[in-house]
């Protein structure tokens, strides 16, 4: 990429960083990315409402390869002195999605110049942080007959420019469960006349650690109590309504669903025991993200050709909705190191390191050019043993 274009990309990244938007609210971010692509490439930009994609048409009978970038921000109050720091209070690009999107724009600009034989699809995705974006965007896999898809995530703690790889399950499945118990409110001096949800909630909190010691869950499933609320701050009232929120996660969706079933059954039982109503709902649902063997092999090959350090990684307990894509076609997501001492993602002093933009661009361009067997369509491949 020319220095002029690289400076444009860095400027775009800083602009996105300055005006971040939360998941499902990324209206101006999408508009800016689309306008930049129209101004700087000859590619057709297809608007799909909350997200969009761009297509470079290659030669007939060549594979179609796709690349995905997310563009939502997170609810963090940035505490840096950067000239392009967030101008939106309580919202910031502290996960680096500004960098991911800017790099995908750079890739589109380079593809127009280099004119590869393959068809290339550039997917700009909303709402990754809440697990809602890829589920919608993945429909494009069948529509455009995408043979293979790639993405990367910047990763603090990895050496600068190093490529982190994981075959099979790369990110855990997870979801948020919101459980509510409704009993009877009464005066705090006569709690025997009421039904206080503190007791079933306490039983649930004690129940889950023992549940996870069972062989099917041990070391492969986890939970976090992220929120509880029982009544109001009033010493004179014995509350009648309470709720508890869990995040549950596992290395396989089927294990996560089994954990959910056991947890909800226990909640149902304790609600009945205490003669209370029980209601639940779920949010932020993420599948496991599965990297296909041949796709990871291509990532390794390109990294080696570029002289980049390869670092095998354990499955990451956090979640990434890219898994919705790799349920439908072959693909892989890999990591690029921000540096071992770089502030972690979602921290108040984090900023995407512009220095890894050329590294990501090299990797993506290499994955367009890399040879190998033609990708198998979803209906032709065997379901992976780790798929839920």
Protein backbone atom coordinates (compact mmCIF):
# COMPACT_ATOMS: atom_id res chain seq x y z
CA UNK A 1 0.00 0.00 0.00
CA UNK A 2 1.28 3.46 -0.85
CA UNK A 3 2.19 5.82 1.98
CA UNK A 4 -0.60 8.16 0.88
CA UNK A 5 -3.22 5.42 1.15
CA UNK A 6 -1.81 4.14 4.43
CA UNK A 7 -2.12 7.62 5.89
CA UNK A 8 -5.74 7.71 4.70
CA UNK A 9 -6.44 4.42 6.45
CA UNK A 10 -4.84 5.57 9.69
CA UNK A 11 -6.84 8.80 9.47
CA UNK A 12 -10.03 6.80 8.95
CA UNK A 13 -9.20 4.61 11.96
CA UNK A 14 -8.69 7.67 14.14
CA UNK A 15 -11.95 9.18 12.90
CA UNK A 16 -13.86 6.00 13.77
CA UNK A 17 -12.18 5.99 17.17
CA UNK A 18 -13.23 9.57 17.83
CA UNK A 19 -16.93 8.86 17.19
CA UNK A 20 -17.70 5.36 18.52
CA UNK A 21 -21.17 3.84 18.62
CA UNK A 22 -22.49 0.94 20.68
CA UNK A 23 -23.83 -2.31 19.26
CA UNK A 24 -27.07 -1.90 17.29
CA UNK A 25 -26.55 1.88 17.25
CA UNK A 26 -23.75 2.10 14.65
CA UNK A 27 -25.60 4.27 12.13
CA UNK A 28 -22.99 7.00 11.56
CA UNK A 29 -20.11 4.51 11.67
CA UNK A 30 -21.69 2.52 8.85
CA UNK A 31 -22.39 5.66 6.82
CA UNK A 32 -18.78 6.85 7.16
CA UNK A 33 -17.30 3.50 6.16
CA UNK A 34 -19.59 3.26 3.15
CA UNK A 35 -18.82 6.79 1.99
CA UNK A 36 -15.06 6.25 2.37
CA UNK A 37 -15.23 3.10 0.23
CA UNK A 38 -17.26 4.88 -2.44
CA UNK A 39 -14.76 7.75 -2.47
CA UNK A 40 -11.65 5.55 -2.60
CA UNK A 41 -12.62 2.44 -4.59
CA UNK A 42 -14.66 1.57 -7.66
CA UNK A 43 -16.38 -1.33 -5.88
CA UNK A 44 -20.13 -1.56 -5.45
CA UNK A 45 -21.26 -1.08 -1.86
CA UNK A 46 -24.37 -3.07 -0.89
CA UNK A 47 -26.35 -1.68 2.05
CA UNK A 48 -28.12 -4.33 4.16
CA UNK A 49 -29.58 -2.06 6.80
CA UNK A 50 -27.52 -2.40 9.97
CA UNK A 51 -24.51 -3.71 8.02
CA UNK A 52 -23.13 -3.78 4.49
CA UNK A 53 -20.79 -5.61 2.18
CA UNK A 54 -18.62 -4.95 -0.85
CA UNK A 55 -17.77 -7.36 -3.67
CA UNK A 56 -14.80 -7.55 -5.99
CA UNK A 57 -15.70 -9.76 -8.96
CA UNK A 58 -12.89 -12.11 -9.92
CA UNK A 59 -12.62 -14.46 -12.87
CA UNK A 60 -15.33 -17.06 -13.58
CA UNK A 61 -15.01 -20.48 -11.91
CA UNK A 62 -12.68 -19.15 -9.23
CA UNK A 63 -13.37 -19.56 -5.48
CA UNK A 64 -15.06 -16.81 -3.50
CA UNK A 65 -13.21 -15.79 -0.33
CA UNK A 66 -14.65 -13.41 2.26
CA UNK A 67 -13.21 -11.26 5.02
CA UNK A 68 -15.16 -9.88 7.93
CA UNK A 69 -14.61 -6.86 10.17
CA UNK A 70 -16.79 -5.64 13.02
CA UNK A 71 -17.41 -1.93 13.71
CA UNK A 72 -19.23 -1.59 17.05
CA UNK A 73 -17.74 -0.03 20.18
CA UNK A 74 -18.06 -0.86 23.90
CA UNK A 75 -19.46 0.86 26.98
CA UNK A 76 -16.16 2.01 28.48
CA UNK A 77 -15.10 5.52 29.49
CA UNK A 78 -11.80 6.02 27.66
CA UNK A 79 -9.06 7.58 29.77
CA UNK A 80 -6.33 8.54 27.33
CA UNK A 81 -4.88 11.81 26.11
CA UNK A 82 -4.99 10.86 22.44
CA UNK A 83 -5.87 13.70 20.07
CA UNK A 84 -8.51 11.41 18.55
CA UNK A 85 -9.91 10.07 21.85
CA UNK A 86 -13.61 9.28 22.06
CA UNK A 87 -15.95 12.23 21.93
CA UNK A 88 -18.88 10.15 23.17
CA UNK A 89 -19.06 9.87 26.94
CA UNK A 90 -19.05 6.29 28.21
CA UNK A 91 -18.51 4.78 24.76
CA UNK A 92 -15.16 3.92 23.19
CA UNK A 93 -13.44 1.66 20.67
CA UNK A 94 -11.62 -0.17 23.45
CA UNK A 95 -11.80 -3.51 21.62
CA UNK A 96 -10.14 -2.32 18.42
CA UNK A 97 -13.04 -2.68 16.03
CA UNK A 98 -12.09 0.69 14.59
CA UNK A 99 -8.83 -0.94 13.50
CA UNK A 100 -10.54 -4.06 12.17
CA UNK A 101 -12.83 -1.99 9.94
CA UNK A 102 -10.11 0.35 8.72
CA UNK A 103 -8.00 -2.65 7.71
CA UNK A 104 -10.86 -4.19 5.74
CA UNK A 105 -11.22 -0.89 3.89
CA UNK A 106 -7.47 -0.98 3.18
CA UNK A 107 -7.85 -4.51 1.84
CA UNK A 108 -10.60 -3.40 -0.53
CA UNK A 109 -8.40 -0.57 -1.80
CA UNK A 110 -5.49 -2.96 -2.41
CA UNK A 111 -7.62 -5.61 -4.09
CA UNK A 112 -8.83 -3.04 -6.62
CA UNK A 113 -5.19 -2.30 -7.42
CA UNK A 114 -3.91 -5.88 -7.49
CA UNK A 115 -6.89 -7.50 -9.29
CA UNK A 116 -6.71 -11.08 -7.96
CA UNK A 117 -8.40 -13.94 -9.81
CA UNK A 118 -10.65 -14.90 -6.90
CA UNK A 119 -13.88 -13.12 -6.07
CA UNK A 120 -13.49 -11.28 -2.76
CA UNK A 121 -16.31 -10.28 -0.41
CA UNK A 122 -15.75 -7.66 2.30
CA UNK A 123 -18.29 -7.94 5.14
CA UNK A 124 -18.65 -4.96 7.48
CA UNK A 125 -20.56 -6.26 10.49
CA UNK A 126 -22.46 -4.57 13.29
CA UNK A 127 -23.16 -5.74 16.86
CA UNK A 128 -20.36 -8.24 17.45
CA UNK A 129 -20.12 -7.33 21.13
CA UNK A 130 -23.64 -8.58 21.83
CA UNK A 131 -23.56 -11.60 19.53
CA UNK A 132 -26.27 -10.24 17.24
CA UNK A 133 -24.39 -9.14 14.12
CA UNK A 134 -22.86 -12.24 12.57
CA UNK A 135 -26.05 -14.23 13.02
CA UNK A 136 -27.69 -11.87 10.52
CA UNK A 137 -24.69 -11.31 8.27
CA UNK A 138 -23.95 -15.04 7.90
CA UNK A 139 -26.93 -15.35 5.57
CA UNK A 140 -24.68 -13.88 2.90
CA UNK A 141 -22.60 -17.08 2.85
CA UNK A 142 -25.30 -18.95 0.95
CA UNK A 143 -26.45 -15.95 -1.06
CA UNK A 144 -23.01 -15.29 -2.54
CA UNK A 145 -21.76 -18.90 -2.39
CA UNK A 146 -18.80 -17.98 -0.21
CA UNK A 147 -16.27 -20.82 -0.13
CA UNK A 148 -14.12 -19.61 2.75
CA UNK A 149 -14.06 -16.74 5.23
CA UNK A 150 -11.37 -15.18 7.40
CA UNK A 151 -11.12 -12.59 10.17
CA UNK A 152 -8.61 -11.52 12.79
CA UNK A 153 -8.73 -9.98 16.23
CA UNK A 154 -6.03 -7.79 17.72
CA UNK A 155 -4.76 -9.39 20.91
CA UNK A 156 -2.89 -7.76 23.77
CA UNK A 157 -0.38 -10.00 25.53
CA UNK A 158 0.85 -11.56 22.29
CA UNK A 159 4.20 -10.31 20.95
CA UNK A 160 3.83 -7.44 18.50
CA UNK A 161 2.95 -8.70 14.98
CA UNK A 162 2.86 -12.36 16.12
CA UNK A 163 0.08 -14.51 14.66
CA UNK A 164 -1.93 -16.48 17.21
CA UNK A 165 -3.53 -19.64 15.86
CA UNK A 166 -5.95 -22.24 17.15
CA UNK A 167 -7.33 -25.24 15.26
CA UNK A 168 -10.84 -26.36 16.21
CA UNK A 169 -12.68 -24.39 18.89
CA UNK A 170 -11.04 -20.97 19.10
CA UNK A 171 -13.64 -19.14 21.22
CA UNK A 172 -16.14 -20.51 23.75
CA UNK A 173 -19.89 -20.39 23.31
CA UNK A 174 -21.65 -18.17 25.84
CA UNK A 175 -24.92 -16.49 26.72
CA UNK A 176 -26.48 -14.32 29.38
CA UNK A 177 -29.35 -15.71 31.48
CA UNK A 178 -31.64 -13.38 33.43
CA UNK A 179 -33.64 -15.19 36.11
CA UNK A 180 -36.46 -13.48 38.04
CA UNK A 181 -38.33 -14.73 41.10
CA UNK A 182 -41.61 -13.13 42.18
CA UNK A 183 -42.89 -13.81 45.69
CA UNK A 184 -44.83 -11.62 48.13
CA UNK A 185 -43.70 -8.29 49.59
CA UNK A 186 -44.38 -7.67 53.26
CA UNK A 187 -43.22 -5.61 56.25
CA UNK A 188 -39.70 -6.44 57.39
CA UNK A 189 -41.04 -7.08 60.91
CA UNK A 190 -43.26 -9.90 59.64
CA UNK A 191 -41.23 -11.74 56.99
CA UNK A 192 -43.25 -14.91 57.68
CA UNK A 193 -46.19 -13.30 55.86
CA UNK A 194 -44.20 -12.79 52.69
CA UNK A 195 -42.16 -14.79 50.22
CA UNK A 196 -38.65 -13.38 49.93
CA UNK A 197 -36.70 -14.23 46.71
CA UNK A 198 -33.37 -13.93 48.55
CA UNK A 199 -33.67 -17.57 49.57
CA UNK A 200 -34.07 -19.23 46.14
CA UNK A 201 -31.41 -16.91 44.73
CA UNK A 202 -29.02 -17.92 47.52
CA UNK A 203 -29.71 -21.60 46.79
CA UNK A 204 -28.86 -21.07 43.12
CA UNK A 205 -25.59 -19.33 43.96
CA UNK A 206 -24.61 -22.28 46.16
CA UNK A 207 -25.76 -24.84 43.58
CA UNK A 208 -23.75 -23.86 40.51
CA UNK A 209 -20.17 -24.39 41.80
CA UNK A 210 -21.00 -27.99 42.70
CA UNK A 211 -22.73 -28.49 39.36
CA UNK A 212 -19.57 -27.51 37.50
CA UNK A 213 -17.58 -30.18 39.33
CA UNK A 214 -19.46 -32.86 37.40
CA UNK A 215 -17.21 -34.67 34.85
CA UNK A 216 -19.08 -33.38 31.80
CA UNK A 217 -18.54 -29.75 32.87
CA UNK A 218 -15.26 -29.74 34.78
CA UNK A 219 -12.69 -27.57 33.02
CA UNK A 220 -14.98 -27.09 30.00
CA UNK A 221 -17.84 -24.95 31.33
CA UNK A 222 -17.90 -21.83 33.47
CA UNK A 223 -20.33 -19.37 35.00
CA UNK A 224 -20.22 -15.85 36.41
CA UNK A 225 -22.81 -14.12 38.55
CA UNK A 226 -22.84 -10.70 36.90
CA UNK A 227 -25.80 -9.06 38.63
CA UNK A 228 -28.24 -9.56 41.48
CA UNK A 229 -31.05 -7.40 42.80
CA UNK A 230 -33.42 -8.19 45.63
CA UNK A 231 -36.00 -5.57 46.48
CA UNK A 232 -35.15 -1.93 47.16
CA UNK A 233 -32.88 -0.20 49.67
CA UNK A 234 -35.47 -0.08 52.42
CA UNK A 235 -34.95 -1.62 55.88
CA UNK A 236 -38.67 -1.72 56.55
CA UNK A 237 -39.61 -3.96 53.62
CA UNK A 238 -39.14 -7.68 53.06
CA UNK A 239 -38.86 -7.83 49.25
CA UNK A 240 -41.09 -9.85 46.97
CA UNK A 241 -39.14 -9.57 43.72
CA UNK A 242 -35.55 -10.51 42.98
CA UNK A 243 -33.38 -11.34 40.01
CA UNK A 244 -30.01 -12.87 39.30
CA UNK A 245 -28.05 -12.76 36.05
CA UNK A 246 -25.57 -15.39 34.99
CA UNK A 247 -23.13 -15.55 32.12
CA UNK A 248 -22.60 -19.18 31.22
CA UNK A 249 -20.00 -20.43 28.77
CA UNK A 250 -18.51 -23.70 27.52
CA UNK A 251 -16.14 -24.94 24.85
CA UNK A 252 -19.06 -26.62 23.09
CA UNK A 253 -22.56 -25.30 22.60
CA UNK A 254 -24.08 -28.63 23.60
CA UNK A 255 -22.31 -28.42 26.97
CA UNK A 256 -23.47 -24.84 27.44
CA UNK A 257 -27.05 -25.85 26.68
CA UNK A 258 -26.78 -28.76 29.10
CA UNK A 259 -25.52 -26.38 31.78
CA UNK A 260 -28.40 -24.03 31.02
CA UNK A 261 -30.94 -26.85 31.29
CA UNK A 262 -29.63 -27.95 34.67
CA UNK A 263 -29.51 -24.39 35.99
CA UNK A 264 -33.05 -23.58 34.85
CA UNK A 265 -34.39 -26.83 36.25
CA UNK A 266 -32.87 -26.00 39.63
CA UNK A 267 -34.37 -22.51 39.46
CA UNK A 268 -37.77 -23.97 38.62
CA UNK A 269 -37.53 -26.40 41.53
CA UNK A 270 -36.53 -23.81 44.14
CA UNK A 271 -39.22 -21.42 42.91
CA UNK A 272 -41.83 -24.14 43.38
CA UNK A 273 -40.41 -25.05 46.78
CA UNK A 274 -40.74 -21.42 47.92
CA UNK A 275 -44.10 -20.98 46.16
CA UNK A 276 -42.88 -18.24 43.83
CA UNK A 277 -43.29 -17.41 40.17
CA UNK A 278 -40.20 -17.92 38.03
CA UNK A 279 -39.39 -16.26 34.71
CA UNK A 280 -36.23 -16.22 32.62
CA UNK A 281 -34.85 -14.84 29.37
CA UNK A 282 -31.57 -14.87 27.50
CA UNK A 283 -29.40 -12.25 25.78
CA UNK A 284 -25.97 -11.95 24.15
CA UNK A 285 -25.99 -15.46 22.69
CA UNK A 286 -22.72 -16.53 21.07
CA UNK A 287 -21.96 -19.84 19.35
CA UNK A 288 -18.64 -21.54 19.74
CA UNK A 289 -16.24 -20.31 17.07
CA UNK A 290 -14.74 -23.23 15.21
CA UNK A 291 -11.63 -22.87 13.01
CA UNK A 292 -11.45 -25.37 10.17
CA UNK A 293 -8.20 -27.27 9.73
CA UNK A 294 -7.51 -26.34 6.10
CA UNK A 295 -8.26 -22.67 6.78
CA UNK A 296 -5.86 -22.53 9.73
CA UNK A 297 -3.24 -24.29 7.61
CA UNK A 298 -3.55 -21.44 5.10
CA UNK A 299 -3.14 -18.87 7.88
CA UNK A 300 0.03 -20.67 8.98
CA UNK A 301 1.38 -20.85 5.45
CA UNK A 302 0.84 -17.15 4.81
CA UNK A 303 2.36 -16.15 8.16
CA UNK A 304 5.45 -18.24 7.47
CA UNK A 305 5.79 -16.74 3.99
CA UNK A 306 5.64 -13.25 5.51
CA UNK A 307 8.24 -14.14 8.16
CA UNK A 308 5.78 -13.70 11.03
CA UNK A 309 5.99 -15.59 14.32
CA UNK A 310 3.31 -18.25 14.81
CA UNK A 311 2.06 -18.86 18.35
CA UNK A 312 -0.35 -21.73 19.10
CA UNK A 313 -3.11 -20.60 21.47
CA UNK A 314 -5.54 -22.26 23.82
CA UNK A 315 -9.24 -21.80 23.20
CA UNK A 316 -10.29 -18.37 24.45
CA UNK A 317 -13.03 -18.39 27.10
CA UNK A 318 -14.40 -15.14 25.74
CA UNK A 319 -16.81 -15.32 22.82
CA UNK A 320 -16.75 -14.11 19.22
CA UNK A 321 -19.80 -14.27 16.97
CA UNK A 322 -17.64 -15.11 13.94
CA UNK A 323 -18.69 -18.67 14.77
CA UNK A 324 -21.98 -18.07 12.95
CA UNK A 325 -19.98 -17.81 9.71
CA UNK A 326 -17.91 -20.95 10.25
CA UNK A 327 -21.08 -22.93 10.86
CA UNK A 328 -21.98 -22.23 7.23
CA UNK A 329 -18.65 -22.48 5.42
CA UNK A 330 -14.98 -23.15 6.01
CA UNK A 331 -12.99 -20.42 7.67
CA UNK A 332 -10.81 -19.26 10.51
CA UNK A 333 -10.20 -16.33 12.81
CA UNK A 334 -6.68 -15.66 14.04
CA UNK A 335 -5.00 -13.21 16.39
CA UNK A 336 -2.43 -10.51 15.70
CA UNK A 337 -0.32 -9.44 18.65
CA UNK A 338 -0.57 -5.89 20.00
CA UNK A 339 2.52 -6.44 22.13
CA UNK A 340 3.05 -8.23 25.41
CA UNK A 341 2.72 -5.03 27.48
CA UNK A 342 -0.05 -3.40 25.45
CA UNK A 343 -3.11 -2.45 27.54
CA UNK A 344 -5.77 -5.16 27.39
CA UNK A 345 -8.90 -4.77 25.32
CA UNK A 346 -11.84 -3.11 27.10
CA UNK A 347 -9.46 -1.30 29.46
CA UNK A 348 -9.72 2.48 29.85
CA UNK A 349 -6.23 3.15 28.39
CA UNK A 350 -6.36 0.78 25.42
CA UNK A 351 -5.95 1.96 21.82
CA UNK A 352 -5.66 -0.11 18.66
CA UNK A 353 -1.98 -0.09 17.59
CA UNK A 354 -1.74 1.39 14.09
CA UNK A 355 1.59 -0.37 13.65
CA UNK A 356 -0.16 -3.72 13.06
CA UNK A 357 -2.27 -2.41 10.17
CA UNK A 358 0.35 -3.46 7.56
CA UNK A 359 0.67 -6.87 9.24
CA UNK A 360 -3.06 -7.55 9.01
CA UNK A 361 -3.16 -6.27 5.44
CA UNK A 362 -0.30 -8.58 4.44
CA UNK A 363 -2.06 -11.55 6.03
CA UNK A 364 -5.36 -10.87 4.27
CA UNK A 365 -3.74 -10.30 0.89
CA UNK A 366 -1.78 -13.51 1.35
CA UNK A 367 -4.96 -15.44 2.16
CA UNK A 368 -6.47 -14.27 -1.13
CA UNK A 369 -3.44 -15.50 -3.07
CA UNK A 370 -2.76 -18.72 -1.16
CA UNK A 371 -3.47 -21.96 -3.00
CA UNK A 372 -4.82 -25.19 -1.59
CA UNK A 373 -7.83 -27.37 -2.06
CA UNK A 374 -11.11 -25.78 -3.09
CA UNK A 375 -13.25 -25.16 -0.03
CA UNK A 376 -16.13 -27.57 0.59
CA UNK A 377 -19.60 -26.15 0.86
CA UNK A 378 -21.49 -26.65 4.16
CA UNK A 379 -23.70 -29.41 2.80
CA UNK A 380 -20.65 -31.32 1.53
CA UNK A 381 -18.57 -31.27 4.70
CA UNK A 382 -18.91 -33.45 7.76
CA UNK A 383 -20.09 -31.68 10.89
CA UNK A 384 -17.16 -31.11 13.22
CA UNK A 385 -17.26 -33.11 16.45
CA UNK A 386 -17.10 -29.81 18.39
CA UNK A 387 -20.12 -28.20 16.77
CA UNK A 388 -23.12 -27.79 19.03
